[in-house]
């Protein structure tokens, strides 16, 4: 038990450990209360039920990821390609399979009607990417594609690369994070017909003349 944390924070900490280790279905509120050093009644003072507690843990996981992204963008410089590659590296290198399984557990066990806060945090995440593409559009770095669509394409390309490792019969082995980051960045900037740069040298990614086929992809 982490006694240095406040009551609510201690519950979130202990519950996260239980959910990561055992999965949602195998964890009871009584186990969490015992681990947090409080009564079950006190636990329900902080969270109305197990779904609420689980949702708060998922929201906090997403919030931490978003804050890391915001910090990287705030401290970074360079082209949109530089930033997208850095963001892809951050997302894919920090990827935690246990956290992904926990998020899949949330989708499986918690009714959609209880997902409002998670959807709001997802919207906050997409907004960060949208603002990045808005700046790139204003600077003339990318074509006149709606920034919201561009951000959604980038975000879901990253998710797709991660999720393919969790299919019941994966289409391919888990990708090396560095290669996956280059793959995601190249797909978003140039489409699936472009060759994937062999290194993090962005010359191949940013030089459209080196990829004449990719540059023919339209904005539809």
Protein backbone atom coordinates (compact mmCIF):
# COMPACT_ATOMS: atom_id res chain seq x y z
CA UNK A 1 0.00 0.00 0.00
CA UNK A 2 1.31 3.44 -0.96
CA UNK A 3 0.47 5.45 2.19
CA UNK A 4 2.09 8.62 0.79
CA UNK A 5 -0.84 9.11 -1.56
CA UNK A 6 -4.18 10.68 -0.66
CA UNK A 7 -7.20 8.40 -0.28
CA UNK A 8 -8.52 8.79 -3.84
CA UNK A 9 -5.06 8.69 -5.42
CA UNK A 10 -4.20 5.61 -3.35
CA UNK A 11 -7.30 3.82 -4.61
CA UNK A 12 -6.43 4.67 -8.22
CA UNK A 13 -2.88 3.41 -7.73
CA UNK A 14 -3.88 0.12 -6.09
CA UNK A 15 -6.78 -0.50 -8.46
CA UNK A 16 -4.57 0.08 -11.50
CA UNK A 17 -2.11 -2.52 -10.22
CA UNK A 18 -4.93 -5.03 -9.71
CA UNK A 19 -6.54 -4.41 -13.09
CA UNK A 20 -3.20 -4.64 -14.89
CA UNK A 21 -2.28 -7.89 -13.19
CA UNK A 22 -5.61 -9.70 -13.02
CA UNK A 23 -8.00 -8.04 -15.46
CA UNK A 24 -11.27 -6.25 -14.76
CA UNK A 25 -13.47 -9.31 -14.28
CA UNK A 26 -11.22 -10.91 -11.65
CA UNK A 27 -10.95 -7.89 -9.35
CA UNK A 28 -13.45 -6.97 -6.64
CA UNK A 29 -14.02 -3.65 -4.94
CA UNK A 30 -13.31 -5.35 -1.62
CA UNK A 31 -9.83 -6.35 -2.82
CA UNK A 32 -9.14 -2.78 -3.86
CA UNK A 33 -10.43 -1.36 -0.59
CA UNK A 34 -8.23 -3.75 1.40
CA UNK A 35 -5.17 -2.88 -0.68
CA UNK A 36 -5.85 0.85 -0.26
CA UNK A 37 -6.27 0.47 3.50
CA UNK A 38 -9.86 1.67 3.71
CA UNK A 39 -13.34 0.30 4.17
CA UNK A 40 -15.50 -0.60 1.20
CA UNK A 41 -17.87 2.20 2.21
CA UNK A 42 -14.99 4.69 2.04
CA UNK A 43 -14.10 3.39 -1.41
CA UNK A 44 -17.64 4.09 -2.61
CA UNK A 45 -17.32 7.63 -1.27
CA UNK A 46 -14.68 8.24 -3.95
CA UNK A 47 -16.15 6.12 -6.78
CA UNK A 48 -19.77 5.17 -7.32
CA UNK A 49 -18.98 1.65 -8.59
CA UNK A 50 -16.30 -0.50 -10.23
CA UNK A 51 -17.11 0.81 -13.71
CA UNK A 52 -16.58 4.38 -12.51
CA UNK A 53 -13.26 3.49 -10.89
CA UNK A 54 -12.05 1.61 -13.94
CA UNK A 55 -13.06 4.50 -16.19
CA UNK A 56 -11.10 6.99 -14.08
CA UNK A 57 -8.01 4.82 -14.41
CA UNK A 58 -8.38 4.70 -18.19
CA UNK A 59 -8.90 8.47 -18.36
CA UNK A 60 -5.74 9.03 -16.30
CA UNK A 61 -3.72 6.72 -18.58
CA UNK A 62 -4.91 8.69 -21.61
CA UNK A 63 -4.27 12.02 -19.87
CA UNK A 64 -0.69 11.07 -19.10
CA UNK A 65 -0.11 10.12 -22.74
CA UNK A 66 -1.63 13.41 -23.89
CA UNK A 67 0.52 15.45 -21.51
CA UNK A 68 3.65 13.70 -22.82
CA UNK A 69 2.61 14.57 -26.36
CA UNK A 70 1.92 18.20 -25.43
CA UNK A 71 5.31 18.48 -23.74
CA UNK A 72 7.10 17.06 -26.77
CA UNK A 73 5.32 19.47 -29.12
CA UNK A 74 5.99 22.46 -26.85
CA UNK A 75 9.71 21.68 -26.68
CA UNK A 76 10.22 20.60 -30.28
CA UNK A 77 11.24 22.49 -33.39
CA UNK A 78 11.52 21.55 -37.02
CA UNK A 79 9.15 20.56 -39.80
CA UNK A 80 5.85 18.73 -39.52
CA UNK A 81 7.69 15.57 -40.61
CA UNK A 82 10.18 16.01 -37.75
CA UNK A 83 7.36 16.39 -35.25
CA UNK A 84 5.28 13.51 -36.55
CA UNK A 85 8.25 11.17 -36.45
CA UNK A 86 9.10 12.26 -32.91
CA UNK A 87 5.48 11.78 -31.83
CA UNK A 88 5.33 8.35 -33.44
CA UNK A 89 8.55 7.37 -31.66
CA UNK A 90 7.13 8.58 -28.35
CA UNK A 91 3.88 6.69 -28.74
CA UNK A 92 5.35 3.43 -30.02
CA UNK A 93 8.42 3.29 -27.77
CA UNK A 94 6.35 3.94 -24.64
CA UNK A 95 3.69 1.46 -25.66
CA UNK A 96 2.78 -0.86 -22.78
CA UNK A 97 1.04 -4.12 -23.77
CA UNK A 98 -0.48 -4.48 -20.29
CA UNK A 99 -2.07 -1.04 -20.54
CA UNK A 100 -3.45 -1.89 -23.98
CA UNK A 101 -4.98 -5.07 -22.57
CA UNK A 102 -6.50 -3.02 -19.76
CA UNK A 103 -8.05 -0.62 -22.26
CA UNK A 104 -9.46 -3.53 -24.23
CA UNK A 105 -10.90 -4.83 -20.96
CA UNK A 106 -12.60 -1.47 -20.46
CA UNK A 107 -14.22 -1.62 -23.89
CA UNK A 108 -15.30 -5.21 -23.31
CA UNK A 109 -16.77 -4.88 -19.82
CA UNK A 110 -17.94 -1.28 -19.32
CA UNK A 111 -21.14 -0.26 -21.16
CA UNK A 112 -20.81 2.36 -23.87
CA UNK A 113 -23.22 4.56 -21.94
CA UNK A 114 -20.46 4.98 -19.32
CA UNK A 115 -17.74 6.03 -21.78
CA UNK A 116 -18.40 9.79 -21.86
CA UNK A 117 -15.26 10.84 -19.95
CA UNK A 118 -13.07 8.52 -21.99
CA UNK A 119 -14.51 9.91 -25.22
CA UNK A 120 -13.85 13.44 -23.95
CA UNK A 121 -10.21 12.63 -23.20
CA UNK A 122 -9.87 11.02 -26.63
CA UNK A 123 -11.23 14.25 -28.11
CA UNK A 124 -8.63 16.21 -26.12
CA UNK A 125 -5.93 13.97 -27.59
CA UNK A 126 -7.13 14.47 -31.16
CA UNK A 127 -7.38 18.23 -30.53
CA UNK A 128 -3.65 18.37 -29.73
CA UNK A 129 -2.85 16.74 -33.07
CA UNK A 130 -5.39 18.94 -34.86
CA UNK A 131 -3.69 22.09 -33.59
CA UNK A 132 -0.35 20.72 -34.81
CA UNK A 133 -1.75 20.18 -38.31
CA UNK A 134 -3.41 23.61 -38.26
CA UNK A 135 0.01 25.20 -37.72
CA UNK A 136 1.52 23.06 -40.47
CA UNK A 137 -1.25 24.08 -42.88
CA UNK A 138 -0.79 27.76 -42.03
CA UNK A 139 2.95 27.41 -42.65
CA UNK A 140 2.33 25.80 -46.04
CA UNK A 141 3.96 22.52 -45.02
CA UNK A 142 1.04 20.30 -45.98
CA UNK A 143 -1.75 20.39 -48.55
CA UNK A 144 -5.11 21.96 -47.90
CA UNK A 145 -6.54 18.95 -46.08
CA UNK A 146 -8.78 19.65 -43.07
CA UNK A 147 -6.49 19.52 -40.01
CA UNK A 148 -9.07 17.51 -38.07
CA UNK A 149 -9.02 14.79 -40.71
CA UNK A 150 -5.22 14.83 -40.89
CA UNK A 151 -4.94 14.48 -37.11
CA UNK A 152 -7.43 11.62 -37.06
CA UNK A 153 -5.55 9.80 -39.83
CA UNK A 154 -2.25 10.14 -37.96
CA UNK A 155 -3.72 9.14 -34.59
CA UNK A 156 -5.52 6.09 -35.96
CA UNK A 157 -2.52 5.02 -38.01
CA UNK A 158 -0.56 4.78 -34.77
CA UNK A 159 -3.41 2.89 -33.12
CA UNK A 160 -3.61 0.51 -36.06
CA UNK A 161 0.08 -0.36 -35.81
CA UNK A 162 -0.35 -1.11 -32.11
CA UNK A 163 -3.61 -3.02 -32.39
CA UNK A 164 -2.36 -5.40 -35.06
CA UNK A 165 -0.18 -7.01 -32.39
CA UNK A 166 -3.30 -7.84 -30.37
CA UNK A 167 -5.35 -9.56 -33.01
CA UNK A 168 -6.20 -13.22 -32.20
CA UNK A 169 -4.10 -14.20 -35.21
CA UNK A 170 -1.78 -11.23 -35.90
CA UNK A 171 -1.15 -10.50 -39.56
CA UNK A 172 2.52 -10.01 -38.79
CA UNK A 173 4.88 -10.15 -35.79
CA UNK A 174 5.08 -7.04 -33.61
CA UNK A 175 6.92 -4.29 -35.45
CA UNK A 176 10.17 -2.77 -34.27
CA UNK A 177 9.14 0.59 -32.72
CA UNK A 178 11.67 2.58 -34.75
CA UNK A 179 10.53 1.02 -38.01
CA UNK A 180 6.87 1.43 -37.01
CA UNK A 181 7.43 5.14 -36.33
CA UNK A 182 8.96 5.64 -39.78
CA UNK A 183 6.16 3.59 -41.33
CA UNK A 184 3.41 5.65 -39.67
CA UNK A 185 5.02 8.97 -40.59
CA UNK A 186 5.59 7.95 -44.20
CA UNK A 187 2.05 6.61 -44.63
CA UNK A 188 0.49 9.80 -43.27
CA UNK A 189 2.68 12.13 -45.34
CA UNK A 190 2.90 10.15 -48.58
CA UNK A 191 0.46 7.23 -48.55
CA UNK A 192 0.93 3.49 -48.67
CA UNK A 193 2.67 3.52 -52.07
CA UNK A 194 5.77 5.32 -50.77
CA UNK A 195 8.98 3.47 -49.86
CA UNK A 196 9.69 3.42 -46.13
CA UNK A 197 12.89 5.31 -45.16
CA UNK A 198 15.49 2.85 -43.82
CA UNK A 199 16.64 5.20 -41.04
CA UNK A 200 15.47 8.22 -39.09
CA UNK A 201 17.10 10.43 -41.73
CA UNK A 202 14.07 12.52 -42.67
CA UNK A 203 15.46 13.46 -46.08
CA UNK A 204 13.66 10.49 -47.60
CA UNK A 205 10.43 11.31 -45.78
CA UNK A 206 10.31 15.02 -46.50
CA UNK A 207 11.69 15.02 -50.05
CA UNK A 208 8.66 14.52 -52.28
CA UNK A 209 10.86 14.51 -55.40
CA UNK A 210 12.39 11.27 -54.10
CA UNK A 211 8.91 9.71 -54.06
CA UNK A 212 7.17 10.76 -57.26
CA UNK A 213 4.45 8.11 -56.97
CA UNK A 214 3.51 9.14 -53.42
CA UNK A 215 3.26 12.79 -54.33
CA UNK A 216 0.51 11.95 -56.80
CA UNK A 217 -1.86 10.91 -54.03
CA UNK A 218 -4.69 13.46 -53.86
CA UNK A 219 -6.38 15.04 -50.83
CA UNK A 220 -9.55 12.94 -50.94
